N, C-alpha and C. Protein backbone atom coordinates (compact mmCIF):
# COMPACT_ATOMS: atom_id res chain seq x y z
N MET A 1 -7.18 -14.44 5.39
CA MET A 1 -6.57 -15.35 6.33
C MET A 1 -5.09 -15.05 6.57
N PRO A 2 -4.31 -14.75 5.52
CA PRO A 2 -2.89 -14.47 5.78
C PRO A 2 -2.68 -13.23 6.65
N TYR A 3 -3.67 -12.34 6.67
CA TYR A 3 -3.51 -11.14 7.46
C TYR A 3 -3.60 -11.42 8.95
N LEU A 4 -4.15 -12.57 9.30
CA LEU A 4 -4.18 -12.95 10.71
C LEU A 4 -2.78 -13.27 11.22
N LEU A 5 -1.86 -13.57 10.31
CA LEU A 5 -0.47 -13.83 10.71
C LEU A 5 0.20 -12.57 11.26
N ALA A 6 -0.37 -11.41 11.01
CA ALA A 6 0.17 -10.18 11.57
C ALA A 6 -0.02 -10.12 13.08
N LEU A 7 -0.91 -10.96 13.60
CA LEU A 7 -1.11 -10.99 15.05
C LEU A 7 0.10 -11.56 15.79
N LEU A 8 0.86 -12.42 15.13
CA LEU A 8 2.04 -13.00 15.78
C LEU A 8 3.11 -11.95 16.11
N PRO A 9 3.59 -11.17 15.14
CA PRO A 9 4.59 -10.16 15.52
C PRO A 9 4.01 -9.08 16.43
N ALA A 10 2.72 -8.77 16.26
CA ALA A 10 2.12 -7.78 17.14
C ALA A 10 2.06 -8.29 18.58
N THR A 11 1.76 -9.56 18.76
CA THR A 11 1.74 -10.14 20.10
C THR A 11 3.13 -10.18 20.70
N VAL A 12 4.12 -10.55 19.91
CA VAL A 12 5.50 -10.59 20.41
C VAL A 12 5.96 -9.19 20.80
N LEU A 13 5.65 -8.19 19.98
CA LEU A 13 6.03 -6.82 20.30
C LEU A 13 5.32 -6.32 21.56
N THR A 14 4.07 -6.70 21.75
CA THR A 14 3.34 -6.28 22.94
C THR A 14 3.93 -6.92 24.19
N ILE A 15 4.24 -8.20 24.13
CA ILE A 15 4.85 -8.87 25.28
C ILE A 15 6.22 -8.27 25.58
N ALA A 16 6.99 -8.01 24.53
CA ALA A 16 8.31 -7.39 24.72
C ALA A 16 8.17 -6.01 25.34
N GLY A 17 7.15 -5.27 24.95
CA GLY A 17 6.91 -3.96 25.53
C GLY A 17 6.60 -4.04 27.01
N TYR A 18 5.77 -5.00 27.40
CA TYR A 18 5.45 -5.17 28.82
C TYR A 18 6.69 -5.60 29.62
N VAL A 19 7.49 -6.48 29.06
CA VAL A 19 8.70 -6.93 29.76
C VAL A 19 9.66 -5.76 29.95
N VAL A 20 9.84 -4.97 28.90
CA VAL A 20 10.74 -3.81 28.99
C VAL A 20 10.22 -2.80 30.00
N LEU A 21 8.92 -2.55 29.99
CA LEU A 21 8.36 -1.61 30.96
C LEU A 21 8.50 -2.13 32.39
N TYR A 22 8.32 -3.43 32.58
CA TYR A 22 8.47 -4.02 33.91
C TYR A 22 9.91 -3.89 34.40
N LEU A 23 10.85 -4.22 33.50
CA LEU A 23 12.25 -4.14 33.90
C LEU A 23 12.71 -2.70 34.09
N SER A 24 12.17 -1.78 33.31
CA SER A 24 12.57 -0.39 33.46
C SER A 24 12.01 0.21 34.75
N ALA A 25 10.87 -0.30 35.23
CA ALA A 25 10.31 0.19 36.48
C ALA A 25 11.19 -0.21 37.66
N ARG A 26 11.95 -1.28 37.51
CA ARG A 26 12.83 -1.73 38.57
C ARG A 26 14.23 -1.13 38.46
N SER A 27 14.46 -0.36 37.41
CA SER A 27 15.77 0.25 37.20
C SER A 27 15.80 1.66 37.79
N GLU A 28 16.97 2.27 37.69
CA GLU A 28 17.13 3.63 38.22
C GLU A 28 17.74 4.53 37.16
N GLY A 29 17.48 5.82 37.29
CA GLY A 29 18.15 6.82 36.47
C GLY A 29 17.71 6.82 35.01
N SER A 30 18.74 7.03 34.17
CA SER A 30 18.46 7.17 32.74
C SER A 30 18.03 5.84 32.11
N LEU A 31 18.41 4.72 32.73
CA LEU A 31 17.98 3.43 32.20
C LEU A 31 16.47 3.25 32.34
N ARG A 32 15.89 3.84 33.38
CA ARG A 32 14.44 3.78 33.56
C ARG A 32 13.73 4.58 32.45
N THR A 33 14.26 5.76 32.15
CA THR A 33 13.66 6.59 31.10
C THR A 33 13.80 5.91 29.73
N PHE A 34 15.00 5.37 29.46
CA PHE A 34 15.21 4.69 28.19
C PHE A 34 14.29 3.47 28.06
N GLY A 35 14.13 2.71 29.12
CA GLY A 35 13.25 1.54 29.10
C GLY A 35 11.80 1.92 28.89
N ARG A 36 11.38 3.02 29.47
CA ARG A 36 10.01 3.47 29.29
C ARG A 36 9.75 3.83 27.82
N TYR A 37 10.69 4.58 27.22
CA TYR A 37 10.53 4.94 25.80
C TYR A 37 10.61 3.71 24.90
N LEU A 38 11.48 2.78 25.24
CA LEU A 38 11.60 1.56 24.45
C LEU A 38 10.33 0.72 24.52
N GLY A 39 9.72 0.65 25.69
CA GLY A 39 8.45 -0.07 25.85
C GLY A 39 7.33 0.57 25.05
N TYR A 40 7.25 1.90 25.12
CA TYR A 40 6.23 2.60 24.34
C TYR A 40 6.46 2.43 22.85
N TRP A 41 7.73 2.40 22.44
CA TRP A 41 8.05 2.19 21.03
C TRP A 41 7.60 0.79 20.58
N ALA A 42 7.77 -0.21 21.42
CA ALA A 42 7.33 -1.57 21.09
C ALA A 42 5.80 -1.61 20.93
N PHE A 43 5.09 -0.89 21.80
CA PHE A 43 3.63 -0.84 21.67
C PHE A 43 3.22 -0.12 20.40
N THR A 44 3.94 0.93 20.03
CA THR A 44 3.64 1.68 18.81
C THR A 44 3.86 0.80 17.58
N LEU A 45 4.96 0.06 17.56
CA LEU A 45 5.22 -0.83 16.43
C LEU A 45 4.15 -1.93 16.33
N ALA A 46 3.71 -2.45 17.46
CA ALA A 46 2.66 -3.47 17.44
C ALA A 46 1.37 -2.89 16.85
N ALA A 47 1.05 -1.67 17.24
CA ALA A 47 -0.16 -1.03 16.69
C ALA A 47 -0.02 -0.78 15.20
N LEU A 48 1.18 -0.40 14.76
CA LEU A 48 1.39 -0.17 13.33
C LEU A 48 1.29 -1.46 12.52
N VAL A 49 1.73 -2.57 13.10
CA VAL A 49 1.60 -3.86 12.40
C VAL A 49 0.13 -4.21 12.23
N ILE A 50 -0.65 -4.01 13.28
CA ILE A 50 -2.09 -4.30 13.20
C ILE A 50 -2.78 -3.37 12.20
N LEU A 51 -2.46 -2.08 12.26
CA LEU A 51 -3.08 -1.14 11.32
C LEU A 51 -2.67 -1.44 9.88
N GLY A 52 -1.43 -1.84 9.67
CA GLY A 52 -0.99 -2.21 8.33
C GLY A 52 -1.72 -3.42 7.81
N ALA A 53 -1.96 -4.40 8.67
CA ALA A 53 -2.70 -5.59 8.25
C ALA A 53 -4.15 -5.25 7.93
N ILE A 54 -4.75 -4.38 8.72
CA ILE A 54 -6.14 -3.96 8.45
C ILE A 54 -6.21 -3.21 7.13
N PHE A 55 -5.24 -2.30 6.90
CA PHE A 55 -5.24 -1.55 5.65
C PHE A 55 -5.02 -2.47 4.46
N ALA A 56 -4.11 -3.42 4.58
CA ALA A 56 -3.85 -4.35 3.48
C ALA A 56 -5.07 -5.22 3.20
N ALA A 57 -5.77 -5.64 4.25
CA ALA A 57 -6.97 -6.46 4.05
C ALA A 57 -8.09 -5.64 3.40
N ALA A 58 -8.22 -4.39 3.80
CA ALA A 58 -9.26 -3.55 3.23
C ALA A 58 -8.92 -3.14 1.79
N HIS A 59 -7.65 -2.95 1.52
CA HIS A 59 -7.22 -2.52 0.19
C HIS A 59 -7.27 -3.67 -0.80
N GLY A 60 -6.94 -4.86 -0.34
CA GLY A 60 -7.00 -6.04 -1.18
C GLY A 60 -6.10 -5.95 -2.39
N HIS A 61 -6.63 -6.34 -3.54
CA HIS A 61 -5.85 -6.35 -4.78
C HIS A 61 -6.24 -5.19 -5.68
N HIS A 62 -6.93 -4.20 -5.14
CA HIS A 62 -7.43 -3.10 -5.95
C HIS A 62 -6.30 -2.15 -6.29
N GLN A 63 -6.28 -1.70 -7.53
CA GLN A 63 -5.24 -0.79 -7.98
C GLN A 63 -5.74 0.64 -8.10
N HIS A 64 -7.03 0.88 -7.99
CA HIS A 64 -7.64 2.20 -8.08
C HIS A 64 -7.23 2.94 -9.35
N GLY A 65 -7.42 2.28 -10.48
CA GLY A 65 -7.19 2.93 -11.75
C GLY A 65 -5.74 2.96 -12.19
N MET A 66 -4.88 2.32 -11.48
CA MET A 66 -3.47 2.31 -11.85
C MET A 66 -3.17 1.07 -12.68
N TYR A 67 -2.18 1.20 -13.53
CA TYR A 67 -1.77 0.06 -14.34
C TYR A 67 -0.98 -0.90 -13.48
N CYS A 68 -1.35 -2.15 -13.53
CA CYS A 68 -0.66 -3.17 -12.74
C CYS A 68 0.29 -3.94 -13.64
N PRO A 69 1.60 -3.86 -13.41
CA PRO A 69 2.54 -4.56 -14.28
C PRO A 69 2.45 -6.07 -14.16
N TRP A 70 1.93 -6.60 -13.08
CA TRP A 70 1.84 -8.05 -12.90
C TRP A 70 0.64 -8.63 -13.64
N HIS A 71 -0.44 -7.87 -13.68
CA HIS A 71 -1.65 -8.37 -14.33
C HIS A 71 -1.78 -7.83 -15.75
N GLY A 72 -1.11 -6.74 -16.07
CA GLY A 72 -1.07 -6.22 -17.42
C GLY A 72 -2.37 -5.63 -17.93
N ASP A 73 -3.21 -5.12 -17.06
CA ASP A 73 -4.47 -4.56 -17.50
C ASP A 73 -4.88 -3.47 -16.54
N TRP A 74 -5.77 -2.61 -17.00
CA TRP A 74 -6.30 -1.57 -16.13
C TRP A 74 -7.35 -2.18 -15.22
N ASP A 75 -7.57 -1.55 -14.11
CA ASP A 75 -8.59 -1.99 -13.18
C ASP A 75 -9.96 -1.82 -13.84
N ALA A 76 -10.83 -2.80 -13.67
CA ALA A 76 -12.13 -2.79 -14.34
C ALA A 76 -13.02 -1.65 -13.83
N ARG A 77 -12.81 -1.19 -12.60
CA ARG A 77 -13.66 -0.14 -12.06
C ARG A 77 -13.14 1.26 -12.35
N SER A 78 -11.99 1.37 -12.95
CA SER A 78 -11.43 2.69 -13.18
C SER A 78 -12.17 3.38 -14.32
N GLU A 79 -12.02 4.67 -14.40
CA GLU A 79 -12.66 5.43 -15.45
C GLU A 79 -11.81 5.46 -16.71
N GLU A 80 -10.60 4.99 -16.61
CA GLU A 80 -9.71 4.97 -17.77
C GLU A 80 -10.17 3.88 -18.74
N PRO A 81 -10.24 4.19 -20.02
CA PRO A 81 -10.60 3.14 -20.98
C PRO A 81 -9.46 2.15 -21.15
N ARG A 82 -9.82 0.96 -21.50
CA ARG A 82 -8.80 -0.04 -21.77
C ARG A 82 -8.13 0.31 -23.10
N ARG A 83 -6.84 0.21 -23.15
CA ARG A 83 -6.10 0.56 -24.35
C ARG A 83 -6.10 -0.62 -25.32
N PRO A 84 -6.37 -0.34 -26.60
CA PRO A 84 -6.35 -1.44 -27.57
C PRO A 84 -4.91 -1.87 -27.82
N PRO A 85 -4.72 -3.10 -28.24
CA PRO A 85 -3.37 -3.55 -28.55
C PRO A 85 -2.79 -2.72 -29.69
N ALA A 86 -1.48 -2.63 -29.75
CA ALA A 86 -0.82 -1.79 -30.75
C ALA A 86 -1.01 -2.33 -32.15
N SER A 87 -1.26 -3.64 -32.31
CA SER A 87 -1.38 -4.23 -33.64
C SER A 87 -2.80 -4.17 -34.20
N SER A 88 -3.75 -3.62 -33.45
CA SER A 88 -5.13 -3.59 -33.93
C SER A 88 -5.29 -2.48 -34.96
N PRO A 89 -6.14 -2.68 -35.97
CA PRO A 89 -6.36 -1.64 -36.98
C PRO A 89 -7.14 -0.48 -36.38
N ALA A 90 -7.06 0.64 -37.03
CA ALA A 90 -7.78 1.82 -36.55
C ALA A 90 -9.29 1.58 -36.67
N ALA A 91 -10.02 2.22 -35.82
CA ALA A 91 -11.47 2.07 -35.82
C ALA A 91 -12.05 2.64 -37.11
N PRO A 92 -13.13 2.06 -37.64
CA PRO A 92 -13.73 2.61 -38.85
C PRO A 92 -14.27 4.00 -38.57
N GLY A 93 -14.05 4.88 -39.51
CA GLY A 93 -14.51 6.26 -39.35
C GLY A 93 -13.52 7.13 -38.62
N ALA A 94 -12.39 6.58 -38.21
CA ALA A 94 -11.41 7.39 -37.49
C ALA A 94 -10.79 8.43 -38.40
N ALA A 95 -10.62 8.09 -39.68
CA ALA A 95 -10.02 9.04 -40.62
C ALA A 95 -10.98 10.20 -40.88
N GLU A 96 -12.26 9.96 -40.80
CA GLU A 96 -13.23 11.03 -41.04
C GLU A 96 -13.24 12.04 -39.91
N SER A 97 -12.91 11.61 -38.69
CA SER A 97 -12.98 12.52 -37.56
C SER A 97 -11.70 13.31 -37.36
N GLU A 98 -10.68 13.04 -38.14
CA GLU A 98 -9.43 13.78 -38.00
C GLU A 98 -9.61 15.21 -38.54
N ILE A 99 -8.89 16.11 -37.94
CA ILE A 99 -8.92 17.50 -38.39
C ILE A 99 -8.00 17.64 -39.58
N PRO A 100 -8.49 18.19 -40.66
CA PRO A 100 -7.61 18.32 -41.84
C PRO A 100 -6.53 19.35 -41.58
N THR A 101 -5.37 19.09 -42.14
CA THR A 101 -4.26 20.04 -42.01
C THR A 101 -4.28 21.00 -43.18
N PRO A 102 -3.89 22.23 -42.96
CA PRO A 102 -3.88 23.20 -44.08
C PRO A 102 -2.80 22.84 -45.09
N PRO A 103 -3.02 23.16 -46.36
CA PRO A 103 -2.01 22.86 -47.37
C PRO A 103 -0.75 23.69 -47.14
N THR A 104 0.38 23.12 -47.52
CA THR A 104 1.64 23.83 -47.35
C THR A 104 1.97 24.58 -48.63
N ARG A 105 2.68 25.71 -48.48
CA ARG A 105 3.08 26.50 -49.64
C ARG A 105 4.39 25.97 -50.18
N GLN A 106 4.49 26.02 -51.49
CA GLN A 106 5.73 25.55 -52.11
C GLN A 106 6.44 26.64 -52.83
């Protein structure tokens, strides 16, 4: 629903683009060229606002496997395992799976 609010600035930019194009058509010389580019720029910005709203709505709150500092956890769909807290004890059998180090000479 909040993404529908993107229609307001897009509508304002579109109307401004039409007004600028209308006024530039009645002008002469370099002001006509500048007005034409300014109108097209307003239309481009309106399209970018709409595309940004569509992308934000489609993307949602998904982090795609990235760590989110606000939620403090990995995304549930990511392939990354969840990291255990630092205060948790080592898993049983972890010492058995370690590679032994060679003895040092004295």
